[in-house]
Protein backbone atom coordinates (compact mmCIF):
# COMPACT_ATOMS: atom_id res chain seq x y z
CA MET A 1 0.00 0.00 0.00
CA LYS A 2 2.94 2.32 0.66
CA GLY A 3 3.90 2.11 -3.02
CA MET A 4 0.41 3.15 -4.06
CA ASN A 5 0.43 6.10 -1.64
CA ASP A 6 3.78 7.24 -3.03
CA LEU A 7 2.43 7.01 -6.56
CA VAL A 8 -0.65 9.07 -5.66
CA ARG A 9 1.54 11.65 -3.90
CA GLN A 10 3.81 11.92 -6.95
CA ALA A 11 0.79 12.36 -9.22
CA GLN A 12 -0.53 15.15 -6.99
CA ILE A 13 2.85 16.91 -7.05
CA MET A 14 2.99 16.60 -10.84
CA GLN A 15 -0.54 17.99 -11.12
CA ARG A 16 0.40 21.03 -9.00
CA LYS A 17 3.48 21.62 -11.14
CA MET A 18 1.41 21.36 -14.33
CA THR A 19 -1.12 23.87 -13.01
CA ALA A 20 1.70 26.27 -12.11
CA LEU A 21 3.19 25.76 -15.57
CA GLN A 22 -0.11 26.63 -17.25
CA GLU A 23 -0.23 29.89 -15.30
CA ASP A 24 3.41 30.65 -16.08
CA LEU A 25 2.90 30.03 -19.80
CA LYS A 26 0.14 32.65 -19.88
CA THR A 27 2.75 35.26 -18.92
CA ARG A 28 5.41 34.20 -21.42
CA GLU A 29 5.42 35.58 -24.94
CA VAL A 30 6.57 34.31 -28.31
CA GLU A 31 6.88 36.43 -31.44
CA SER A 32 6.92 35.61 -35.12
CA SER A 33 6.86 37.55 -38.35
CA ALA A 34 6.12 36.99 -42.02
CA GLY A 35 6.81 38.86 -45.21
CA GLY A 36 10.19 40.10 -44.06
CA GLY A 37 8.71 41.70 -40.97
CA MET A 38 5.68 43.20 -42.69
CA VAL A 39 3.41 41.25 -40.31
CA ASN A 40 4.38 40.61 -36.69
CA VAL A 41 2.44 38.45 -34.25
CA LYS A 42 2.86 37.97 -30.52
CA VAL A 43 1.24 35.06 -28.66
CA ASN A 44 1.54 33.83 -25.10
CA GLY A 45 2.61 30.35 -24.08
CA SER A 46 -1.03 29.26 -24.14
CA SER A 47 -1.21 30.22 -27.85
CA GLU A 48 -3.49 33.19 -27.21
CA VAL A 49 -2.85 35.92 -29.78
CA LEU A 50 -1.80 39.06 -27.90
CA GLU A 51 -0.85 41.38 -30.72
CA ILE A 52 -0.82 41.62 -34.51
CA LYS A 53 1.09 44.41 -36.23
CA ILE A 54 0.77 45.01 -39.96
CA ASP A 55 3.06 47.39 -41.81
CA PRO A 56 0.91 50.16 -43.34
CA THR A 57 2.66 49.85 -46.69
CA ILE A 58 1.16 46.42 -47.35
CA VAL A 59 -2.27 47.70 -46.39
CA GLU A 60 -1.87 50.49 -48.93
CA SER A 61 -1.11 47.89 -51.59
CA GLY A 62 -4.70 46.72 -51.31
CA ASP A 63 -3.66 43.09 -51.74
CA VAL A 64 -6.03 41.59 -49.17
CA GLU A 65 -5.19 37.99 -50.05
CA MET A 66 -1.47 38.61 -49.47
CA ILE A 67 -2.18 40.26 -46.10
CA GLN A 68 -4.36 37.33 -45.07
CA ASP A 69 -1.65 34.85 -46.07
CA LEU A 70 1.03 36.76 -44.14
CA VAL A 71 -1.12 37.04 -41.01
CA LEU A 72 -1.95 33.34 -41.20
CA ALA A 73 1.71 32.38 -41.65
CA ALA A 74 2.86 34.56 -38.75
CA VAL A 75 0.12 33.29 -36.40
CA ASN A 76 0.77 29.64 -37.28
CA ASP A 77 4.53 30.07 -36.77
CA ALA A 78 4.05 31.84 -33.43
CA ASN A 79 1.70 29.09 -32.25
CA LYS A 80 4.24 26.46 -33.32
CA LYS A 81 6.89 28.21 -31.23
CA ALA A 82 4.52 28.47 -28.26
CA LYS A 83 3.71 24.76 -28.52
CA ALA A 84 7.40 23.85 -28.64
CA MET A 85 8.04 26.00 -25.56
CA MET A 86 5.14 24.35 -23.72
CA GLU A 87 6.27 20.84 -24.67
CA SER A 88 9.81 21.57 -23.53
CA GLU A 89 8.63 22.89 -20.17
CA MET A 90 6.16 20.04 -19.73
CA SER A 91 8.86 17.49 -20.51
CA SER A 92 10.94 18.81 -17.63
CA ILE A 93 8.02 18.17 -15.28
CA THR A 94 6.97 14.77 -16.60
CA GLY A 95 10.50 13.48 -17.11
CA GLY A 96 9.88 13.08 -20.83
CA MET A 97 6.74 10.96 -20.43
CA ASN A 98 4.09 11.76 -23.00
CA ILE A 99 0.85 12.12 -21.06
CA PRO A 100 -2.09 12.53 -23.45
CA GLY A 101 -4.54 15.29 -22.66
CA MET A 102 -2.30 17.21 -20.29
CA PHE A 103 -2.49 20.35 -22.45
């Protein structure tokens, strides 16, 4: 029974660390750009978009499709970076174990 109690205790500690990590990730930011810096996006570690900056010169071009593509590329890249950051931090808590559904 002692082994089971230790396992439960370890799971509770891991859960507390994961909750703290989720809160920490909300305060950390990742940036990405597309179109040579014409579109810049900032997201937090939870992949929430915090800021999108678009250079006025591409707006003046009137090429809506290009602007949409650049925004999409920058957002996707920023979210990829945020996910990599989260996975790296989570790995340090779980010891490299892949635990489905944790985030």
